[in-house]
Amino acid sequence: MVKKITRRRGATLSEVAEAAGVSKMTASRVLRNASGFTDETRDKVLIQVKRLGYVPNRIAAAFGSFETSTLIGVSVPSLTSGLYGTLLDSIDRTFLKYGYQTMIGAHERSAETEEEWLRAILAWRPAGVILSGRKHTSSTLEILKAQGIPIVEIWNLNTSPLDVSVGFNHYDCGYEMGRFMLSKGYRNIAYVGANRNARSTNETRLDGFEAALSDASRTLVNKEILVDHAGFYPGYYGTENVLNRTKDIDAIYYQDDTMAVGGMFYCQKLGLKIPQDIAIAGWGGMEITSVLPQKLTTTTVAIETLGKSAAEALVARIRGEFTKDVTVVETRLIPGETV
């Protein structure tokens, strides 16, 4: 269980200097990589910088004095996904209404990349941050604890958040779809997904899906997880792979709707009828599904509600107002014409 982070102001340059036993000017020179100090002095300062979680205040450097920040850092896995685009738009519109501006970054599902982004953002002293995902490096957790700013974790619901969590349960999404496909009589089911970095929420949905099959004494007959970003072509190519490896597949569950659409095109190329010859299900309720000749079976997420709720929760934390620690956003399985 992750202990909640207690908010306090971040360490100051004066505190770093005092802890290192040097003057504030010397500490500043070390951090600016100037000259006029020994290697021993530099090491003392840098040790305290790491221990205290200190990051430079670029607002103070730019304006000469501390200003109440109106900046909000927002980190998501990708800037190219339609779902995250909708999410960011909702977050940004809500913050603008309250007088805040967003500083957006993408971590590509890498905890180390998220840490680098966080260090850069915190140098501008944001009023708070929104982080996606639940996996963070130990250094990220130390930095956040030292800074003591409000934090909202989004996307994958965390019932023991660092501060506040707004999201939904990916495992339940997968489990529900698995139960649904089994109820339609499908038994030889495969999975097609993609992942470029470490384990992500996509695999959490897959865990739920496989658990539903296991509860019915079934297993996936084939699984393809490409080292790639989710998209139309990976869905097309991944479908080709699983169908070439395993005969008699009667249904495929995809990581998201874009991959499902790619898979539909490959199946149609082979002359397979959907769902008579093979059933297809996606996830996300993405815009592309609205123009398909067949309504895709998928799971929708209240993305705009998630963004608005996350932004409002962070504003409440910044202002010291009450907000729930955990907010669950609705998801819904939409039966279509492909299962």
C-alpha atoms as a PDB file:
ATOM      1  CA  MET A   1       0.000   0.000   0.000  1.00  0.00           C
ATOM      2  CA  VAL A   2       1.430   3.385  -1.021  1.00  0.00           C
ATOM      3  CA  LYS A   3       1.407   5.940   1.766  1.00  0.00           C
ATOM      4  CA  LYS A   4      -0.264   9.200   0.825  1.00  0.00           C
ATOM      5  CA  ILE A   5       2.056  12.105   0.193  1.00  0.00           C
ATOM      6  CA  THR A   6       1.787  14.898   2.734  1.00  0.00           C
ATOM      7  CA  ARG A   7       1.856  18.243   0.980  1.00  0.00           C
ATOM      8  CA  ARG A   8       4.350  20.917   1.966  1.00  0.00           C
ATOM      9  CA  ARG A   9       6.342  23.494   0.100  1.00  0.00           C
ATOM     10  CA  GLY A  10       9.407  22.308  -1.789  1.00  0.00           C
ATOM     11  CA  ALA A  11      12.919  22.712  -0.417  1.00  0.00           C
ATOM     12  CA  THR A  12      14.525  26.113  -0.976  1.00  0.00           C
ATOM     13  CA  LEU A  13      18.043  26.944  -2.131  1.00  0.00           C
ATOM     14  CA  SER A  14      18.748  28.337   1.340  1.00  0.00           C
ATOM     15  CA  GLU A  15      17.832  25.004   2.929  1.00  0.00           C
ATOM     16  CA  VAL A  16      20.112  23.149   0.513  1.00  0.00           C
ATOM     17  CA  ALA A  17      22.985  25.526   1.301  1.00  0.00           C
ATOM     18  CA  GLU A  18      22.448  25.232   5.066  1.00  0.00           C
ATOM     19  CA  ALA A  19      22.324  21.425   4.926  1.00  0.00           C
ATOM     20  CA  ALA A  20      25.512  21.344   2.844  1.00  0.00           C
ATOM     21  CA  GLY A  21      27.291  23.821   5.135  1.00  0.00           C
ATOM     22  CA  VAL A  22      27.935  26.373   2.397  1.00  0.00           C
ATOM     23  CA  SER A  23      26.634  29.815   1.506  1.00  0.00           C
ATOM     24  CA  LYS A  24      23.547  30.273  -0.639  1.00  0.00           C
ATOM     25  CA  MET A  25      25.720  31.899  -3.304  1.00  0.00           C
ATOM     26  CA  THR A  26      28.057  28.894  -3.393  1.00  0.00           C
ATOM     27  CA  ALA A  27      25.132  26.477  -3.682  1.00  0.00           C
ATOM     28  CA  SER A  28      23.767  28.563  -6.545  1.00  0.00           C
ATOM     29  CA  ARG A  29      27.141  28.506  -8.327  1.00  0.00           C
ATOM     30  CA  VAL A  30      27.298  24.707  -8.011  1.00  0.00           C
ATOM     31  CA  LEU A  31      23.815  24.296  -9.505  1.00  0.00           C
ATOM     32  CA  ARG A  32      24.646  26.699 -12.334  1.00  0.00           C
ATOM     33  CA  ASN A  33      27.852  24.705 -13.010  1.00  0.00           C
ATOM     34  CA  ALA A  34      29.912  27.849 -12.514  1.00  0.00           C
ATOM     35  CA  SER A  35      33.419  27.946 -11.014  1.00  0.00           C
ATOM     36  CA  GLY A  36      35.003  28.920  -7.706  1.00  0.00           C
ATOM     37  CA  PHE A  37      34.348  25.811  -5.591  1.00  0.00           C
ATOM     38  CA  THR A  38      36.018  22.480  -4.908  1.00  0.00           C
ATOM     39  CA  ASP A  39      34.867  19.045  -5.987  1.00  0.00           C
ATOM     40  CA  GLU A  40      34.168  18.289  -2.323  1.00  0.00           C
ATOM     41  CA  THR A  41      31.878  21.310  -2.075  1.00  0.00           C
ATOM     42  CA  ARG A  42      30.044  20.332  -5.256  1.00  0.00           C
ATOM     43  CA  ASP A  43      29.496  16.813  -3.934  1.00  0.00           C
ATOM     44  CA  LYS A  44      28.126  18.132  -0.629  1.00  0.00           C
ATOM     45  CA  VAL A  45      25.639  20.374  -2.414  1.00  0.00           C
ATOM     46  CA  LEU A  46      24.490  17.710  -4.866  1.00  0.00           C
ATOM     47  CA  ILE A  47      23.984  15.180  -2.063  1.00  0.00           C
ATOM     48  CA  GLN A  48      21.660  17.604  -0.297  1.00  0.00           C
ATOM     49  CA  VAL A  49      19.871  18.458  -3.554  1.00  0.00           C
ATOM     50  CA  LYS A  50      19.009  14.774  -3.952  1.00  0.00           C
ATOM     51  CA  ARG A  51      18.154  14.239  -0.283  1.00  0.00           C
ATOM     52  CA  LEU A  52      15.826  17.242  -0.108  1.00  0.00           C
ATOM     53  CA  GLY A  53      14.321  16.728  -3.561  1.00  0.00           C
ATOM     54  CA  TYR A  54      15.281  20.269  -4.541  1.00  0.00           C
ATOM     55  CA  VAL A  55      14.549  21.565  -8.056  1.00  0.00           C
ATOM     56  CA  PRO A  56      15.455  25.079  -9.299  1.00  0.00           C
ATOM     57  CA  ASN A  57      12.695  27.681  -9.228  1.00  0.00           C
ATOM     58  CA  ARG A  58      12.695  29.007 -12.792  1.00  0.00           C
ATOM     59  CA  ILE A  59       9.791  31.324 -12.058  1.00  0.00           C
ATOM     60  CA  ALA A  60      11.893  33.069  -9.416  1.00  0.00           C
ATOM     61  CA  ALA A  61      14.847  33.117 -11.790  1.00  0.00           C
ATOM     62  CA  ALA A  62      12.729  34.658 -14.525  1.00  0.00           C
ATOM     63  CA  PHE A  63      10.769  37.182 -12.497  1.00  0.00           C
ATOM     64  CA  GLY A  64      13.024  37.800  -9.524  1.00  0.00           C
ATOM     65  CA  SER A  65      10.414  36.905  -6.908  1.00  0.00           C
ATOM     66  CA  PHE A  66       7.968  34.152  -6.035  1.00  0.00           C
ATOM     67  CA  GLU A  67       4.614  34.291  -7.742  1.00  0.00           C
ATOM     68  CA  THR A  68       1.592  32.109  -7.044  1.00  0.00           C
ATOM     69  CA  SER A  69       1.757  29.625  -9.878  1.00  0.00           C
ATOM     70  CA  THR A  70      -1.065  29.137 -12.351  1.00  0.00           C
ATOM     71  CA  LEU A  71       0.779  26.357 -14.186  1.00  0.00           C
ATOM     72  CA  ILE A  72      -0.350  22.718 -14.100  1.00  0.00           C
ATOM     73  CA  GLY A  73       1.794  19.826 -15.316  1.00  0.00           C
ATOM     74  CA  VAL A  74      -0.100  17.082 -17.169  1.00  0.00           C
ATOM     75  CA  SER A  75       1.573  13.837 -18.255  1.00  0.00           C
ATOM     76  CA  VAL A  76      -0.086  11.215 -20.471  1.00  0.00           C
ATOM     77  CA  PRO A  77       1.298   8.128 -22.253  1.00  0.00           C
ATOM     78  CA  SER A  78       0.927   9.519 -25.785  1.00  0.00           C
ATOM     79  CA  LEU A  79       0.027  12.698 -27.640  1.00  0.00           C
ATOM     80  CA  THR A  80      -1.026  10.865 -30.800  1.00  0.00           C
ATOM     81  CA  SER A  81      -3.864   8.750 -29.402  1.00  0.00           C
ATOM     82  CA  GLY A  82      -7.366  10.041 -30.080  1.00  0.00           C
ATOM     83  CA  LEU A  83      -8.464   9.084 -26.575  1.00  0.00           C
ATOM     84  CA  TYR A  84      -5.691  11.061 -24.905  1.00  0.00           C
ATOM     85  CA  GLY A  85      -6.360  13.991 -27.232  1.00  0.00           C
ATOM     86  CA  THR A  86      -9.961  14.119 -26.036  1.00  0.00           C
ATOM     87  CA  LEU A  87      -8.793  13.747 -22.447  1.00  0.00           C
ATOM     88  CA  LEU A  88      -6.259  16.577 -22.720  1.00  0.00           C
ATOM     89  CA  ASP A  89      -8.795  18.850 -24.390  1.00  0.00           C
ATOM     90  CA  SER A  90     -11.227  18.307 -21.520  1.00  0.00           C
ATOM     91  CA  ILE A  91      -8.515  18.903 -18.914  1.00  0.00           C
ATOM     92  CA  ASP A  92      -7.244  22.048 -20.617  1.00  0.00           C
ATOM     93  CA  ARG A  93     -10.717  23.586 -21.081  1.00  0.00           C
ATOM     94  CA  THR A  94     -11.548  22.987 -17.432  1.00  0.00           C
ATOM     95  CA  PHE A  95      -8.299  24.504 -16.160  1.00  0.00           C
ATOM     96  CA  LEU A  96      -8.724  27.563 -18.369  1.00  0.00           C
ATOM     97  CA  LYS A  97     -12.104  28.150 -16.754  1.00  0.00           C
ATOM     98  CA  TYR A  98     -10.370  28.339 -13.370  1.00  0.00           C
ATOM     99  CA  GLY A  99      -7.473  30.474 -14.599  1.00  0.00           C
ATOM    100  CA  TYR A 100      -4.799  27.788 -14.938  1.00  0.00           C
ATOM    101  CA  GLN A 101      -2.586  26.831 -17.890  1.00  0.00           C
ATOM    102  CA  THR A 102      -1.391  23.320 -18.687  1.00  0.00           C
ATOM    103  CA  MET A 103       2.143  22.142 -19.456  1.00  0.00           C
ATOM    104  CA  ILE A 104       1.725  18.834 -21.269  1.00  0.00           C
ATOM    105  CA  GLY A 105       4.154  15.979 -21.768  1.00  0.00           C
ATOM    106  CA  ALA A 106       4.106  12.342 -22.938  1.00  0.00           C
ATOM    107  CA  HIS A 107       5.990   9.609 -21.092  1.00  0.00           C
ATOM    108  CA  GLU A 108       5.394   6.792 -23.632  1.00  0.00           C
ATOM    109  CA  ARG A 109       4.617   4.428 -20.738  1.00  0.00           C
ATOM    110  CA  SER A 110       8.138   4.765 -19.372  1.00  0.00           C
ATOM    111  CA  ALA A 111       8.491   5.586 -15.670  1.00  0.00           C
ATOM    112  CA  GLU A 112      11.999   6.922 -16.331  1.00  0.00           C
ATOM    113  CA  THR A 113      10.730   9.294 -19.028  1.00  0.00           C
ATOM    114  CA  GLU A 114       8.010  10.449 -16.656  1.00  0.00           C
ATOM    115  CA  GLU A 115      10.681  11.227 -14.045  1.00  0.00           C
ATOM    116  CA  GLU A 116      12.676  13.325 -16.528  1.00  0.00           C
ATOM    117  CA  TRP A 117       9.532  15.230 -17.517  1.00  0.00           C
ATOM    118  CA  LEU A 118       8.608  15.794 -13.872  1.00  0.00           C
ATOM    119  CA  ARG A 119      12.017  17.235 -13.000  1.00  0.00           C
ATOM    120  CA  ALA A 120      11.753  19.681 -15.892  1.00  0.00           C
ATOM    121  CA  ILE A 121       8.179  20.700 -15.040  1.00  0.00           C
ATOM    122  CA  LEU A 122       8.823  21.154 -11.317  1.00  0.00           C
ATOM    123  CA  ALA A 123      11.566  23.652 -12.148  1.00  0.00           C
ATOM    124  CA  TRP A 124       8.704  25.991 -13.134  1.00  0.00           C
ATOM    125  CA  ARG A 125       6.971  25.487  -9.769  1.00  0.00           C
ATOM    126  CA  PRO A 126       3.538  24.306 -11.001  1.00  0.00           C
ATOM    127  CA  ALA A 127       0.572  24.559  -8.662  1.00  0.00           C
ATOM    128  CA  GLY A 128      -0.029  20.822  -9.117  1.00  0.00           C
ATOM    129  CA  VAL A 129       0.430  17.887 -11.459  1.00  0.00           C
ATOM    130  CA  ILE A 130      -1.738  15.276 -13.168  1.00  0.00           C
ATOM    131  CA  LEU A 131      -0.030  11.940 -13.750  1.00  0.00           C
ATOM    132  CA  SER A 132      -1.344   8.987 -15.745  1.00  0.00           C
ATOM    133  CA  GLY A 133      -0.677   5.453 -14.628  1.00  0.00           C
ATOM    134  CA  ARG A 134       0.293   4.007 -11.269  1.00  0.00           C
ATOM    135  CA  LYS A 135       3.905   3.019 -11.852  1.00  0.00           C
ATOM    136  CA  HIS A 136       6.473   5.657 -10.834  1.00  0.00           C
ATOM    137  CA  THR A 137      10.206   5.483 -10.124  1.00  0.00           C
ATOM    138  CA  SER A 138      11.363   5.737  -6.522  1.00  0.00           C
ATOM    139  CA  SER A 139      13.017   9.060  -7.402  1.00  0.00           C
ATOM    140  CA  THR A 140       9.713  10.404  -8.757  1.00  0.00           C
ATOM    141  CA  LEU A 141       8.002   9.524  -5.475  1.00  0.00           C
ATOM    142  CA  GLU A 142      10.797  11.164  -3.476  1.00  0.00           C
ATOM    143  CA  ILE A 143      10.643  14.331  -5.582  1.00  0.00           C
ATOM    144  CA  LEU A 144       6.861  14.578  -5.255  1.00  0.00           C
ATOM    145  CA  LYS A 145       7.097  14.066  -1.501  1.00  0.00           C
ATOM    146  CA  ALA A 146       9.725  16.788  -1.220  1.00  0.00           C
ATOM    147  CA  GLN A 147       7.731  19.269  -3.318  1.00  0.00           C
ATOM    148  CA  GLY A 148       4.454  18.575  -1.536  1.00  0.00           C
ATOM    149  CA  ILE A 149       2.225  19.819  -4.362  1.00  0.00           C
ATOM    150  CA  PRO A 150      -1.275  18.433  -5.097  1.00  0.00           C
ATOM    151  CA  ILE A 151      -1.278  15.346  -7.331  1.00  0.00           C
ATOM    152  CA  VAL A 152      -4.067  13.692  -9.302  1.00  0.00           C
ATOM    153  CA  GLU A 153      -3.443  10.255 -10.777  1.00  0.00           C
ATOM    154  CA  ILE A 154      -5.694   9.505 -13.727  1.00  0.00           C
ATOM    155  CA  TRP A 155      -6.693   6.741 -16.126  1.00  0.00           C
ATOM    156  CA  ASN A 156      -5.977   3.554 -14.159  1.00  0.00           C
ATOM    157  CA  LEU A 157      -7.949   3.758 -10.930  1.00  0.00           C
ATOM    158  CA  ASN A 158      -5.777   3.707  -7.810  1.00  0.00           C
ATOM    159  CA  THR A 159      -7.654   3.005  -4.593  1.00  0.00           C
ATOM    160  CA  SER A 160      -4.557   3.988  -2.567  1.00  0.00           C
ATOM    161  CA  PRO A 161      -3.483   7.123  -4.440  1.00  0.00           C
ATOM    162  CA  LEU A 162      -0.536   9.385  -3.766  1.00  0.00           C
ATOM    163  CA  ASP A 163      -3.087  12.156  -3.268  1.00  0.00           C
ATOM    164  CA  VAL A 164      -6.169  11.854  -5.518  1.00  0.00           C
ATOM    165  CA  SER A 165      -7.176   9.270  -8.136  1.00  0.00           C
ATOM    166  CA  VAL A 166      -9.702   9.733 -10.968  1.00  0.00           C
ATOM    167  CA  GLY A 167     -10.056   6.758 -13.272  1.00  0.00           C
ATOM    168  CA  PHE A 168     -11.578   3.392 -14.028  1.00  0.00           C
ATOM    169  CA  ASN A 169     -10.738  -0.272 -13.614  1.00  0.00           C
ATOM    170  CA  HIS A 170      -9.059  -1.731 -16.712  1.00  0.00           C
ATOM    171  CA  TYR A 171      -9.151  -5.240 -15.294  1.00  0.00           C
ATOM    172  CA  ASP A 172     -12.934  -5.069 -14.959  1.00  0.00           C
ATOM    173  CA  CYS A 173     -13.226  -3.846 -18.574  1.00  0.00           C
ATOM    174  CA  GLY A 174     -11.367  -6.905 -19.814  1.00  0.00           C
ATOM    175  CA  TYR A 175     -13.247  -9.296 -17.547  1.00  0.00           C
ATOM    176  CA  GLU A 176     -16.620  -7.968 -18.654  1.00  0.00           C
ATOM    177  CA  MET A 177     -15.732  -8.357 -22.338  1.00  0.00           C
ATOM    178  CA  GLY A 178     -14.450 -11.881 -21.762  1.00  0.00           C
ATOM    179  CA  ARG A 179     -17.707 -12.889 -20.091  1.00  0.00           C
ATOM    180  CA  PHE A 180     -19.691 -11.278 -22.909  1.00  0.00           C
ATOM    181  CA  MET A 181     -17.839 -13.082 -25.703  1.00  0.00           C
ATOM    182  CA  LEU A 182     -18.183 -16.407 -23.919  1.00  0.00           C
ATOM    183  CA  SER A 183     -21.915 -15.792 -23.477  1.00  0.00           C
ATOM    184  CA  LYS A 184     -22.183 -15.503 -27.270  1.00  0.00           C
ATOM    185  CA  GLY A 185     -20.750 -18.983 -27.674  1.00  0.00           C
ATOM    186  CA  TYR A 186     -17.182 -18.155 -28.738  1.00  0.00           C
ATOM    187  CA  ARG A 187     -14.557 -20.559 -27.425  1.00  0.00           C
ATOM    188  CA  ASN A 188     -11.434 -20.307 -29.594  1.00  0.00           C
ATOM    189  CA  ILE A 189     -10.507 -16.737 -28.753  1.00  0.00           C
ATOM    190  CA  ALA A 190      -7.247 -14.908 -29.538  1.00  0.00           C
ATOM    191  CA  TYR A 191      -5.842 -11.530 -28.473  1.00  0.00           C
ATOM    192  CA  VAL A 192      -3.968  -8.880 -30.470  1.00  0.00           C
ATOM    193  CA  GLY A 193      -2.248  -5.926 -28.819  1.00  0.00           C
ATOM    194  CA  ALA A 194       0.877  -3.760 -28.915  1.00  0.00           C
ATOM    195  CA  ASN A 195       3.228  -2.347 -26.325  1.00  0.00           C
ATOM    196  CA  ARG A 196       6.477  -0.478 -26.888  1.00  0.00           C
ATOM    197  CA  ASN A 197       7.705  -0.128 -23.312  1.00  0.00           C
ATOM    198  CA  ALA A 198       6.983  -1.613 -19.893  1.00  0.00           C
ATOM    199  CA  ARG A 199       3.807  -3.319 -18.772  1.00  0.00           C
ATOM    200  CA  SER A 200       0.800  -0.987 -19.048  1.00  0.00           C
ATOM    201  CA  THR A 201      -2.929  -0.736 -18.459  1.00  0.00           C
ATOM    202  CA  ASN A 202      -3.450  -2.611 -21.726  1.00  0.00           C
ATOM    203  CA  GLU A 203      -2.012  -5.741 -20.118  1.00  0.00           C
ATOM    204  CA  THR A 204      -4.225  -5.130 -17.079  1.00  0.00           C
ATOM    205  CA  ARG A 205      -7.279  -5.338 -19.353  1.00  0.00           C
ATOM    206  CA  LEU A 206      -5.834  -8.508 -20.862  1.00  0.00           C
ATOM    207  CA  ASP A 207      -5.422  -9.949 -17.363  1.00  0.00           C
ATOM    208  CA  GLY A 208      -9.117  -9.362 -16.724  1.00  0.00           C
ATOM    209  CA  PHE A 209     -10.079 -10.882 -20.055  1.00  0.00           C
ATOM    210  CA  GLU A 210      -7.990 -14.001 -19.444  1.00  0.00           C
ATOM    211  CA  ALA A 211      -9.431 -14.318 -15.935  1.00  0.00           C
ATOM    212  CA  ALA A 212     -12.938 -14.425 -17.414  1.00  0.00           C
ATOM    213  CA  LEU A 213     -11.862 -17.206 -19.759  1.00  0.00           C
ATOM    214  CA  SER A 214     -10.182 -19.083 -16.916  1.00  0.00           C
ATOM    215  CA  ASP A 215     -13.327 -18.913 -14.807  1.00  0.00           C
ATOM    216  CA  ALA A 216     -15.057 -20.742 -17.669  1.00  0.00           C
ATOM    217  CA  SER A 217     -12.171 -23.260 -17.917  1.00  0.00           C
ATOM    218  CA  ARG A 218     -10.953 -21.669 -21.163  1.00  0.00           C
ATOM    219  CA  THR A 219      -7.684 -20.056 -22.251  1.00  0.00           C
ATOM    220  CA  LEU A 220      -6.605 -17.888 -25.153  1.00  0.00           C
ATOM    221  CA  VAL A 221      -5.741 -20.044 -28.149  1.00  0.00           C
ATOM    222  CA  ASN A 222      -3.231 -17.444 -29.342  1.00  0.00           C
ATOM    223  CA  LYS A 223      -1.829 -14.089 -28.260  1.00  0.00           C
ATOM    224  CA  GLU A 224       0.078 -11.472 -30.244  1.00  0.00           C
ATOM    225  CA  ILE A 225       1.579  -8.432 -28.495  1.00  0.00           C
ATOM    226  CA  LEU A 226       3.651  -6.439 -30.965  1.00  0.00           C
ATOM    227  CA  VAL A 227       6.518  -4.169 -29.912  1.00  0.00           C
ATOM    228  CA  ASP A 228       4.813  -1.130 -31.393  1.00  0.00           C
ATOM    229  CA  HIS A 229       2.227   1.552 -30.770  1.00  0.00           C
ATOM    230  CA  ALA A 230      -1.393   0.536 -31.111  1.00  0.00           C
ATOM    231  CA  GLY A 231      -2.825   1.453 -34.506  1.00  0.00           C
ATOM    232  CA  PHE A 232      -4.536   0.254 -37.665  1.00  0.00           C
ATOM    233  CA  TYR A 233      -1.526  -1.471 -39.227  1.00  0.00           C
ATOM    234  CA  PRO A 234      -0.395  -3.292 -36.044  1.00  0.00           C
ATOM    235  CA  GLY A 235      -3.964  -4.566 -35.759  1.00  0.00           C
ATOM    236  CA  TYR A 236      -3.895  -5.707 -39.387  1.00  0.00           C
ATOM    237  CA  TYR A 237      -0.463  -7.323 -39.097  1.00  0.00           C
ATOM    238  CA  GLY A 238      -1.135  -8.872 -35.685  1.00  0.00           C
ATOM    239  CA  THR A 239      -4.319 -10.462 -36.996  1.00  0.00           C
ATOM    240  CA  GLU A 240      -2.412 -11.925 -39.921  1.00  0.00           C
ATOM    241  CA  ASN A 241       0.074 -13.458 -37.480  1.00  0.00           C
ATOM    242  CA  VAL A 242      -2.447 -15.123 -35.170  1.00  0.00           C
ATOM    243  CA  LEU A 243      -4.576 -16.462 -38.020  1.00  0.00           C
ATOM    244  CA  ASN A 244      -1.498 -17.910 -39.719  1.00  0.00           C
ATOM    245  CA  ARG A 245      -0.374 -19.602 -36.508  1.00  0.00           C
ATOM    246  CA  THR A 246      -3.675 -20.999 -35.276  1.00  0.00           C
ATOM    247  CA  LYS A 247      -6.613 -22.443 -37.202  1.00  0.00           C
ATOM    248  CA  ASP A 248     -10.255 -22.324 -36.148  1.00  0.00           C
ATOM    249  CA  ILE A 249     -10.042 -19.034 -34.246  1.00  0.00           C
ATOM    250  CA  ASP A 250     -13.625 -17.848 -33.882  1.00  0.00           C
ATOM    251  CA  ALA A 251     -13.075 -14.507 -32.075  1.00  0.00           C
ATOM    252  CA  ILE A 252     -10.350 -11.927 -31.442  1.00  0.00           C
ATOM    253  CA  TYR A 253     -10.189  -9.356 -28.630  1.00  0.00           C
ATOM    254  CA  TYR A 254      -8.076  -6.286 -29.466  1.00  0.00           C
ATOM    255  CA  GLN A 255      -6.173  -3.855 -27.290  1.00  0.00           C
ATOM    256  CA  ASP A 256      -8.183  -0.944 -28.662  1.00  0.00           C
ATOM    257  CA  ASP A 257     -10.566   0.049 -31.433  1.00  0.00           C
ATOM    258  CA  THR A 258      -7.875   1.130 -33.907  1.00  0.00           C
ATOM    259  CA  MET A 259      -6.318  -2.316 -33.789  1.00  0.00           C
ATOM    260  CA  ALA A 260      -9.755  -3.916 -34.072  1.00  0.00           C
ATOM    261  CA  VAL A 261     -10.466  -1.902 -37.224  1.00  0.00           C
ATOM    262  CA  GLY A 262      -7.129  -3.011 -38.688  1.00  0.00           C
ATOM    263  CA  GLY A 263      -8.058  -6.585 -37.866  1.00  0.00           C
ATOM    264  CA  MET A 264     -11.450  -6.217 -39.527  1.00  0.00           C
ATOM    265  CA  PHE A 265      -9.788  -5.126 -42.763  1.00  0.00           C
ATOM    266  CA  TYR A 266      -7.449  -8.115 -42.738  1.00  0.00           C
ATOM    267  CA  CYS A 267     -10.327 -10.522 -42.104  1.00  0.00           C
ATOM    268  CA  GLN A 268     -12.296  -8.920 -44.936  1.00  0.00           C
ATOM    269  CA  LYS A 269      -9.251  -9.320 -47.198  1.00  0.00           C
ATOM    270  CA  LEU A 270      -9.423 -13.068 -46.512  1.00  0.00           C
ATOM    271  CA  GLY A 271     -13.127 -13.086 -47.317  1.00  0.00           C
ATOM    272  CA  LEU A 272     -14.127 -13.843 -43.714  1.00  0.00           C
ATOM    273  CA  LYS A 273     -17.563 -12.667 -42.639  1.00  0.00           C
ATOM    274  CA  ILE A 274     -17.853 -10.807 -39.344  1.00  0.00           C
ATOM    275  CA  PRO A 275     -19.162 -12.138 -36.984  1.00  0.00           C
ATOM    276  CA  GLN A 276     -20.327 -15.311 -38.779  1.00  0.00           C
ATOM    277  CA  ASP A 277     -16.776 -16.552 -39.460  1.00  0.00           C
ATOM    278  CA  ILE A 278     -14.911 -14.578 -36.837  1.00  0.00           C
ATOM    279  CA  ALA A 279     -16.009 -12.159 -34.105  1.00  0.00           C
ATOM    280  CA  ILE A 280     -14.104  -8.967 -33.298  1.00  0.00           C
ATOM    281  CA  ALA A 281     -14.178  -6.754 -30.183  1.00  0.00           C
ATOM    282  CA  GLY A 282     -12.199  -3.635 -29.319  1.00  0.00           C
ATOM    283  CA  TRP A 283     -11.908  -1.139 -26.510  1.00  0.00           C
ATOM    284  CA  GLY A 284     -12.197   2.618 -26.098  1.00  0.00           C
ATOM    285  CA  GLY A 285     -15.244   3.697 -28.088  1.00  0.00           C
ATOM    286  CA  MET A 286     -12.994   5.639 -30.490  1.00  0.00           C
ATOM    287  CA  GLU A 287     -14.352   7.993 -33.158  1.00  0.00           C
ATOM    288  CA  ILE A 288     -13.400   5.700 -36.050  1.00  0.00           C
ATOM    289  CA  THR A 289     -16.076   3.235 -34.943  1.00  0.00           C
ATOM    290  CA  SER A 290     -18.836   5.723 -35.783  1.00  0.00           C
ATOM    291  CA  VAL A 291     -18.175   5.431 -39.546  1.00  0.00           C
ATOM    292  CA  LEU A 292     -17.716   1.673 -39.846  1.00  0.00           C
ATOM    293  CA  PRO A 293     -20.237  -0.248 -41.954  1.00  0.00           C
ATOM    294  CA  GLN A 294     -20.685  -2.567 -38.957  1.00  0.00           C
ATOM    295  CA  LYS A 295     -21.052  -1.283 -35.420  1.00  0.00           C
ATOM    296  CA  LEU A 296     -18.007  -2.486 -33.475  1.00  0.00           C
ATOM    297  CA  THR A 297     -18.475  -4.263 -30.160  1.00  0.00           C
ATOM    298  CA  THR A 298     -16.372  -2.250 -27.742  1.00  0.00           C
ATOM    299  CA  THR A 299     -16.129  -0.663 -24.293  1.00  0.00           C
ATOM    300  CA  THR A 300     -16.656   3.084 -24.026  1.00  0.00           C
ATOM    301  CA  VAL A 301     -15.099   5.340 -21.417  1.00  0.00           C
ATOM    302  CA  ALA A 302     -16.471   8.695 -20.274  1.00  0.00           C
ATOM    303  CA  ILE A 303     -13.245  10.445 -21.358  1.00  0.00           C
ATOM    304  CA  GLU A 304     -14.480  14.041 -21.177  1.00  0.00           C
ATOM    305  CA  THR A 305     -15.955  13.403 -17.725  1.00  0.00           C
ATOM    306  CA  LEU A 306     -12.643  11.918 -16.610  1.00  0.00           C
ATOM    307  CA  GLY A 307     -10.707  14.990 -17.755  1.00  0.00           C
ATOM    308  CA  LYS A 308     -13.143  17.450 -16.213  1.00  0.00           C
ATOM    309  CA  SER A 309     -13.298  15.550 -12.918  1.00  0.00           C
ATOM    310  CA  ALA A 310      -9.506  15.296 -12.690  1.00  0.00           C
ATOM    311  CA  ALA A 311      -8.995  19.009 -13.329  1.00  0.00           C
ATOM    312  CA  GLU A 312     -11.708  20.015 -10.856  1.00  0.00           C
ATOM    313  CA  ALA A 313     -10.275  17.684  -8.208  1.00  0.00           C
ATOM    314  CA  LEU A 314      -6.813  19.218  -8.597  1.00  0.00           C
ATOM    315  CA  VAL A 315      -8.189  22.762  -8.388  1.00  0.00           C
ATOM    316  CA  ALA A 316     -10.023  21.811  -5.199  1.00  0.00           C
ATOM    317  CA  ARG A 317      -6.816  20.388  -3.706  1.00  0.00           C
ATOM    318  CA  ILE A 318      -4.870  23.518  -4.662  1.00  0.00           C
ATOM    319  CA  ARG A 319      -7.482  25.719  -2.986  1.00  0.00           C
ATOM    320  CA  GLY A 320      -7.663  23.551   0.092  1.00  0.00           C
ATOM    321  CA  GLU A 321     -11.262  22.564  -0.602  1.00  0.00           C
ATOM    322  CA  PHE A 322     -12.769  19.138   0.004  1.00  0.00           C
ATOM    323  CA  THR A 323     -12.601  16.571  -2.776  1.00  0.00           C
ATOM    324  CA  LYS A 324     -12.885  12.796  -2.775  1.00  0.00           C
ATOM    325  CA  ASP A 325      -9.624  10.860  -2.730  1.00  0.00           C
ATOM    326  CA  VAL A 326     -10.963   8.387  -5.300  1.00  0.00           C
ATOM    327  CA  THR A 327     -13.429   9.070  -8.144  1.00  0.00           C
ATOM    328  CA  VAL A 328     -14.613   6.220 -10.367  1.00  0.00           C
ATOM    329  CA  VAL A 329     -15.409   7.124 -13.990  1.00  0.00           C
ATOM    330  CA  GLU A 330     -18.051   5.129 -15.880  1.00  0.00           C
ATOM    331  CA  THR A 331     -17.217   2.572 -18.557  1.00  0.00           C
ATOM    332  CA  ARG A 332     -19.806   0.680 -20.586  1.00  0.00           C
ATOM    333  CA  LEU A 333     -19.681  -2.385 -22.804  1.00  0.00           C
ATOM    334  CA  ILE A 334     -21.461  -1.603 -26.083  1.00  0.00           C
ATOM    335  CA  PRO A 335     -22.681  -4.714 -27.927  1.00  0.00           C
ATOM    336  CA  GLY A 336     -22.290  -4.133 -31.645  1.00  0.00           C
ATOM    337  CA  GLU A 337     -22.589  -6.108 -34.847  1.00  0.00           C
ATOM    338  CA  THR A 338     -19.141  -7.691 -34.755  1.00  0.00           C
ATOM    339  CA  VAL A 339     -19.678 -10.190 -31.897  1.00  0.00           C
END
